């Protein structure tokens, strides 16, 4: 058997909003999120909420952030979304409080089944619990759970489960250290 992309069919998938809402979001995303000249986090937070995202207070969103579907996005308080981050959330992405997504990080909920000739679409949620740090150019795929205060190193690809307070590096990422956070008092 060979791959036959003429057989590709994702008609089962529905993004959760009408074509008109999706079109309005694509224009809004291009004008206010992907645009490197717009730096106002409060404006971006307001727009995300307007389109159905759940966003906590104190969230920072840098320029050139790309969000596929805000109605599938939940971000906890005081989290940071760095420049050039791509949230390709075909389904739910939950980012806990005090998380940091560094420059160019990718959260990718969709993939394709390479074992099927039609290259079927697969989607799965992503969960980043409180205090998670995804390093610059880090990749997190659908079905991944990054437990509390885990860290994914620069240019690393997350395993499907990252344990609490553990630092991961590589492709595929493996646990390399425990994360110890010093008390500042």
C-alpha atoms as a PDB file:
ATOM      1  CA  UNK A   1       0.000   0.000   0.000  1.00  0.00           C
ATOM      2  CA  UNK A   2       1.129   3.556  -0.715  1.00  0.00           C
ATOM      3  CA  UNK A   3       0.113   6.963   0.562  1.00  0.00           C
ATOM      4  CA  UNK A   4      -2.783   8.247  -1.530  1.00  0.00           C
ATOM      5  CA  UNK A   5      -3.556  11.857  -0.632  1.00  0.00           C
ATOM      6  CA  UNK A   6      -6.508  11.881  -3.017  1.00  0.00           C
ATOM      7  CA  UNK A   7      -8.214   9.741  -0.346  1.00  0.00           C
ATOM      8  CA  UNK A   8      -7.638  12.335   2.398  1.00  0.00           C
ATOM      9  CA  UNK A   9     -10.897  13.132   4.173  1.00  0.00           C
ATOM     10  CA  UNK A  10     -11.207  15.198   7.324  1.00  0.00           C
ATOM     11  CA  UNK A  11     -14.931  15.825   6.943  1.00  0.00           C
ATOM     12  CA  UNK A  12     -15.441  14.447  10.461  1.00  0.00           C
ATOM     13  CA  UNK A  13     -13.517  17.405  11.921  1.00  0.00           C
ATOM     14  CA  UNK A  14     -15.404  20.547  12.906  1.00  0.00           C
ATOM     15  CA  UNK A  15     -13.415  23.503  14.322  1.00  0.00           C
ATOM     16  CA  UNK A  16     -16.243  24.584  16.621  1.00  0.00           C
ATOM     17  CA  UNK A  17     -17.393  27.843  15.014  1.00  0.00           C
ATOM     18  CA  UNK A  18     -19.069  28.925  11.789  1.00  0.00           C
ATOM     19  CA  UNK A  19     -17.152  29.825   8.652  1.00  0.00           C
ATOM     20  CA  UNK A  20     -17.938  33.524   9.252  1.00  0.00           C
ATOM     21  CA  UNK A  21     -16.510  33.491  12.800  1.00  0.00           C
ATOM     22  CA  UNK A  22     -13.407  31.627  11.594  1.00  0.00           C
ATOM     23  CA  UNK A  23     -12.939  34.152   8.760  1.00  0.00           C
ATOM     24  CA  UNK A  24     -13.269  37.076  11.186  1.00  0.00           C
ATOM     25  CA  UNK A  25     -10.735  35.423  13.484  1.00  0.00           C
ATOM     26  CA  UNK A  26      -8.238  34.850  10.641  1.00  0.00           C
ATOM     27  CA  UNK A  27      -8.358  38.564   9.757  1.00  0.00           C
ATOM     28  CA  UNK A  28      -8.074  39.577  13.433  1.00  0.00           C
ATOM     29  CA  UNK A  29      -5.173  37.157  13.953  1.00  0.00           C
ATOM     30  CA  UNK A  30      -3.334  38.554  10.922  1.00  0.00           C
ATOM     31  CA  UNK A  31      -3.879  42.198  11.874  1.00  0.00           C
ATOM     32  CA  UNK A  32      -3.279  42.091  15.630  1.00  0.00           C
ATOM     33  CA  UNK A  33      -1.371  38.916  16.505  1.00  0.00           C
ATOM     34  CA  UNK A  34       0.925  38.095  13.591  1.00  0.00           C
ATOM     35  CA  UNK A  35       1.688  41.776  13.038  1.00  0.00           C
ATOM     36  CA  UNK A  36       5.103  42.546  14.611  1.00  0.00           C
ATOM     37  CA  UNK A  37       4.098  46.189  15.164  1.00  0.00           C
ATOM     38  CA  UNK A  38       1.273  45.415  17.626  1.00  0.00           C
ATOM     39  CA  UNK A  39       2.719  44.926  21.090  1.00  0.00           C
ATOM     40  CA  UNK A  40      -0.278  45.545  23.371  1.00  0.00           C
ATOM     41  CA  UNK A  41      -0.949  42.422  25.448  1.00  0.00           C
ATOM     42  CA  UNK A  42      -4.173  43.874  26.851  1.00  0.00           C
ATOM     43  CA  UNK A  43      -5.584  44.378  23.332  1.00  0.00           C
ATOM     44  CA  UNK A  44      -4.657  40.821  22.352  1.00  0.00           C
ATOM     45  CA  UNK A  45      -6.159  39.399  25.547  1.00  0.00           C
ATOM     46  CA  UNK A  46      -9.391  41.302  24.901  1.00  0.00           C
ATOM     47  CA  UNK A  47      -9.571  40.034  21.324  1.00  0.00           C
ATOM     48  CA  UNK A  48      -8.930  36.432  22.383  1.00  0.00           C
ATOM     49  CA  UNK A  49     -11.702  36.687  24.979  1.00  0.00           C
ATOM     50  CA  UNK A  50     -14.036  38.212  22.397  1.00  0.00           C
ATOM     51  CA  UNK A  51     -13.523  35.091  20.267  1.00  0.00           C
ATOM     52  CA  UNK A  52     -14.122  32.697  23.179  1.00  0.00           C
ATOM     53  CA  UNK A  53     -10.745  32.128  24.838  1.00  0.00           C
ATOM     54  CA  UNK A  54     -10.468  31.898  28.604  1.00  0.00           C
ATOM     55  CA  UNK A  55      -7.571  34.142  29.658  1.00  0.00           C
ATOM     56  CA  UNK A  56      -6.451  34.875  33.213  1.00  0.00           C
ATOM     57  CA  UNK A  57      -5.232  38.230  34.482  1.00  0.00           C
ATOM     58  CA  UNK A  58      -1.679  39.401  33.899  1.00  0.00           C
ATOM     59  CA  UNK A  59      -1.129  37.349  30.730  1.00  0.00           C
ATOM     60  CA  UNK A  60       1.604  38.697  28.435  1.00  0.00           C
ATOM     61  CA  UNK A  61       1.355  38.066  24.689  1.00  0.00           C
ATOM     62  CA  UNK A  62       4.298  39.181  22.556  1.00  0.00           C
ATOM     63  CA  UNK A  63       4.217  40.083  18.815  1.00  0.00           C
ATOM     64  CA  UNK A  64       3.924  37.527  16.006  1.00  0.00           C
ATOM     65  CA  UNK A  65       1.920  35.000  18.044  1.00  0.00           C
ATOM     66  CA  UNK A  66      -0.320  32.776  15.911  1.00  0.00           C
ATOM     67  CA  UNK A  67      -3.442  31.229  17.478  1.00  0.00           C
ATOM     68  CA  UNK A  68      -5.481  28.869  15.267  1.00  0.00           C
ATOM     69  CA  UNK A  69      -8.786  28.853  17.199  1.00  0.00           C
ATOM     70  CA  UNK A  70      -9.137  31.016  20.341  1.00  0.00           C
ATOM     71  CA  UNK A  71     -12.316  29.190  21.424  1.00  0.00           C
ATOM     72  CA  UNK A  72     -10.092  26.140  22.092  1.00  0.00           C
ATOM     73  CA  UNK A  73      -7.636  28.117  24.252  1.00  0.00           C
ATOM     74  CA  UNK A  74      -7.388  28.500  28.017  1.00  0.00           C
ATOM     75  CA  UNK A  75      -4.509  30.461  29.602  1.00  0.00           C
ATOM     76  CA  UNK A  76      -4.025  30.848  33.345  1.00  0.00           C
ATOM     77  CA  UNK A  77      -2.943  33.950  35.261  1.00  0.00           C
ATOM     78  CA  UNK A  78       0.430  35.593  34.688  1.00  0.00           C
ATOM     79  CA  UNK A  79       1.495  33.311  31.857  1.00  0.00           C
ATOM     80  CA  UNK A  80       3.754  34.562  29.077  1.00  0.00           C
ATOM     81  CA  UNK A  81       3.424  33.738  25.400  1.00  0.00           C
ATOM     82  CA  UNK A  82       6.636  34.718  23.639  1.00  0.00           C
ATOM     83  CA  UNK A  83       7.333  36.170  20.243  1.00  0.00           C
ATOM     84  CA  UNK A  84       6.649  33.879  17.316  1.00  0.00           C
ATOM     85  CA  UNK A  85       4.781  31.219  19.311  1.00  0.00           C
ATOM     86  CA  UNK A  86       2.351  29.133  17.253  1.00  0.00           C
ATOM     87  CA  UNK A  87      -0.654  27.633  19.042  1.00  0.00           C
ATOM     88  CA  UNK A  88      -2.065  25.304  16.372  1.00  0.00           C
ATOM     89  CA  UNK A  89      -5.014  24.285  18.516  1.00  0.00           C
ATOM     90  CA  UNK A  90      -7.384  22.224  16.415  1.00  0.00           C
ATOM     91  CA  UNK A  91      -8.722  21.119  19.808  1.00  0.00           C
ATOM     92  CA  UNK A  92      -8.270  22.238  23.420  1.00  0.00           C
ATOM     93  CA  UNK A  93      -5.012  23.735  24.651  1.00  0.00           C
ATOM     94  CA  UNK A  94      -4.838  24.473  28.354  1.00  0.00           C
ATOM     95  CA  UNK A  95      -1.936  26.589  29.604  1.00  0.00           C
ATOM     96  CA  UNK A  96      -1.805  26.842  33.376  1.00  0.00           C
ATOM     97  CA  UNK A  97      -0.952  29.841  35.522  1.00  0.00           C
ATOM     98  CA  UNK A  98       2.623  31.172  35.562  1.00  0.00           C
ATOM     99  CA  UNK A  99       3.669  29.287  32.406  1.00  0.00           C
ATOM    100  CA  UNK A 100       6.226  30.567  29.924  1.00  0.00           C
ATOM    101  CA  UNK A 101       6.195  29.731  26.221  1.00  0.00           C
ATOM    102  CA  UNK A 102       9.484  31.067  24.870  1.00  0.00           C
ATOM    103  CA  UNK A 103      10.158  32.432  21.381  1.00  0.00           C
ATOM    104  CA  UNK A 104       9.088  30.221  18.513  1.00  0.00           C
ATOM    105  CA  UNK A 105       7.557  27.463  20.632  1.00  0.00           C
ATOM    106  CA  UNK A 106       5.048  25.258  18.809  1.00  0.00           C
ATOM    107  CA  UNK A 107       1.939  23.713  20.351  1.00  0.00           C
ATOM    108  CA  UNK A 108       0.588  21.369  17.685  1.00  0.00           C
ATOM    109  CA  UNK A 109      -2.708  19.579  18.364  1.00  0.00           C
ATOM    110  CA  UNK A 110      -3.016  18.090  14.880  1.00  0.00           C
ATOM    111  CA  UNK A 111      -1.060  15.417  13.090  1.00  0.00           C
ATOM    112  CA  UNK A 112      -1.588  12.798  10.400  1.00  0.00           C
ATOM    113  CA  UNK A 113      -1.715   9.026  10.633  1.00  0.00           C
ATOM    114  CA  UNK A 114       1.227   7.937   8.477  1.00  0.00           C
ATOM    115  CA  UNK A 115       0.068   4.288   8.754  1.00  0.00           C
ATOM    116  CA  UNK A 116      -3.104   5.006   6.730  1.00  0.00           C
ATOM    117  CA  UNK A 117      -3.008   5.507   2.977  1.00  0.00           C
ATOM    118  CA  UNK A 118      -5.373   8.490   3.261  1.00  0.00           C
ATOM    119  CA  UNK A 119      -3.062  10.251   5.746  1.00  0.00           C
ATOM    120  CA  UNK A 120      -5.994  10.696   8.171  1.00  0.00           C
ATOM    121  CA  UNK A 121      -6.113  13.784  10.389  1.00  0.00           C
ATOM    122  CA  UNK A 122      -5.614  13.124  14.109  1.00  0.00           C
ATOM    123  CA  UNK A 123      -6.205  15.688  16.862  1.00  0.00           C
ATOM    124  CA  UNK A 124      -5.542  15.559  20.591  1.00  0.00           C
ATOM    125  CA  UNK A 125      -5.476  18.191  23.356  1.00  0.00           C
ATOM    126  CA  UNK A 126      -2.402  19.655  25.032  1.00  0.00           C
ATOM    127  CA  UNK A 127      -2.169  20.435  28.745  1.00  0.00           C
ATOM    128  CA  UNK A 128       0.534  22.578  30.342  1.00  0.00           C
ATOM    129  CA  UNK A 129       0.036  22.598  34.097  1.00  0.00           C
ATOM    130  CA  UNK A 130       1.042  25.455  36.413  1.00  0.00           C
ATOM    131  CA  UNK A 131       4.583  26.804  36.119  1.00  0.00           C
ATOM    132  CA  UNK A 132       5.578  24.930  32.943  1.00  0.00           C
ATOM    133  CA  UNK A 133       8.315  26.457  30.811  1.00  0.00           C
ATOM    134  CA  UNK A 134       8.570  25.558  27.116  1.00  0.00           C
ATOM    135  CA  UNK A 135      11.975  26.723  25.860  1.00  0.00           C
ATOM    136  CA  UNK A 136      12.599  28.600  22.621  1.00  0.00           C
ATOM    137  CA  UNK A 137      11.647  26.574  19.531  1.00  0.00           C
ATOM    138  CA  UNK A 138      10.350  23.750  21.738  1.00  0.00           C
ATOM    139  CA  UNK A 139       7.676  21.490  20.228  1.00  0.00           C
ATOM    140  CA  UNK A 140       4.692  20.037  22.101  1.00  0.00           C
ATOM    141  CA  UNK A 141       2.339  17.707  20.203  1.00  0.00           C
ATOM    142  CA  UNK A 142      -1.250  16.647  20.747  1.00  0.00           C
ATOM    143  CA  UNK A 143      -1.847  14.287  23.626  1.00  0.00           C
ATOM    144  CA  UNK A 144       0.990  15.750  25.698  1.00  0.00           C
ATOM    145  CA  UNK A 145       0.649  16.605  29.374  1.00  0.00           C
ATOM    146  CA  UNK A 146       3.434  18.744  30.849  1.00  0.00           C
ATOM    147  CA  UNK A 147       3.063  18.367  34.608  1.00  0.00           C
ATOM    148  CA  UNK A 148       3.510  21.162  37.138  1.00  0.00           C
ATOM    149  CA  UNK A 149       6.725  23.179  36.776  1.00  0.00           C
ATOM    150  CA  UNK A 150       8.272  20.865  34.171  1.00  0.00           C
ATOM    151  CA  UNK A 151      10.694  22.406  31.665  1.00  0.00           C
ATOM    152  CA  UNK A 152      11.258  21.603  27.982  1.00  0.00           C
ATOM    153  CA  UNK A 153      14.684  22.766  26.805  1.00  0.00           C
ATOM    154  CA  UNK A 154      15.509  24.854  23.747  1.00  0.00           C
ATOM    155  CA  UNK A 155      14.685  23.118  20.421  1.00  0.00           C
ATOM    156  CA  UNK A 156      13.442  20.002  22.208  1.00  0.00           C
ATOM    157  CA  UNK A 157      10.431  17.836  21.345  1.00  0.00           C
ATOM    158  CA  UNK A 158       8.313  16.961  24.377  1.00  0.00           C
ATOM    159  CA  UNK A 159       7.519  13.379  25.272  1.00  0.00           C
ATOM    160  CA  UNK A 160       3.798  12.711  25.774  1.00  0.00           C
ATOM    161  CA  UNK A 161       4.198  12.962  29.539  1.00  0.00           C
ATOM    162  CA  UNK A 162       6.544  15.315  31.349  1.00  0.00           C
ATOM    163  CA  UNK A 163       6.841  14.706  35.078  1.00  0.00           C
ATOM    164  CA  UNK A 164       6.537  17.507  37.665  1.00  0.00           C
ATOM    165  CA  UNK A 165       9.608  19.615  38.405  1.00  0.00           C
ATOM    166  CA  UNK A 166      11.639  17.758  35.773  1.00  0.00           C
ATOM    167  CA  UNK A 167      13.793  19.281  33.024  1.00  0.00           C
ATOM    168  CA  UNK A 168      13.711  17.636  29.584  1.00  0.00           C
ATOM    169  CA  UNK A 169      16.046  18.098  26.612  1.00  0.00           C
ATOM    170  CA  UNK A 170      16.517  16.588  23.164  1.00  0.00           C
ATOM    171  CA  UNK A 171      14.558  15.044  20.339  1.00  0.00           C
ATOM    172  CA  UNK A 172      12.835  13.087  21.648  1.00  0.00           C
ATOM    173  CA  UNK A 173      13.318  14.865  24.947  1.00  0.00           C
ATOM    174  CA  UNK A 174      14.475  12.885  27.952  1.00  0.00           C
ATOM    175  CA  UNK A 175      14.620  13.845  31.625  1.00  0.00           C
ATOM    176  CA  UNK A 176      18.031  15.331  32.461  1.00  0.00           C
ATOM    177  CA  UNK A 177      17.598  17.151  35.807  1.00  0.00           C
ATOM    178  CA  UNK A 178      15.172  17.986  38.566  1.00  0.00           C
ATOM    179  CA  UNK A 179      13.961  21.577  38.674  1.00  0.00           C
ATOM    180  CA  UNK A 180      14.645  23.284  41.977  1.00  0.00           C
ATOM    181  CA  UNK A 181      13.132  26.731  42.385  1.00  0.00           C
ATOM    182  CA  UNK A 182      14.855  28.904  44.992  1.00  0.00           C
ATOM    183  CA  UNK A 183      12.777  30.895  47.446  1.00  0.00           C
ATOM    184  CA  UNK A 184      13.497  34.595  46.876  1.00  0.00           C
ATOM    185  CA  UNK A 185      12.750  35.658  50.444  1.00  0.00           C
END
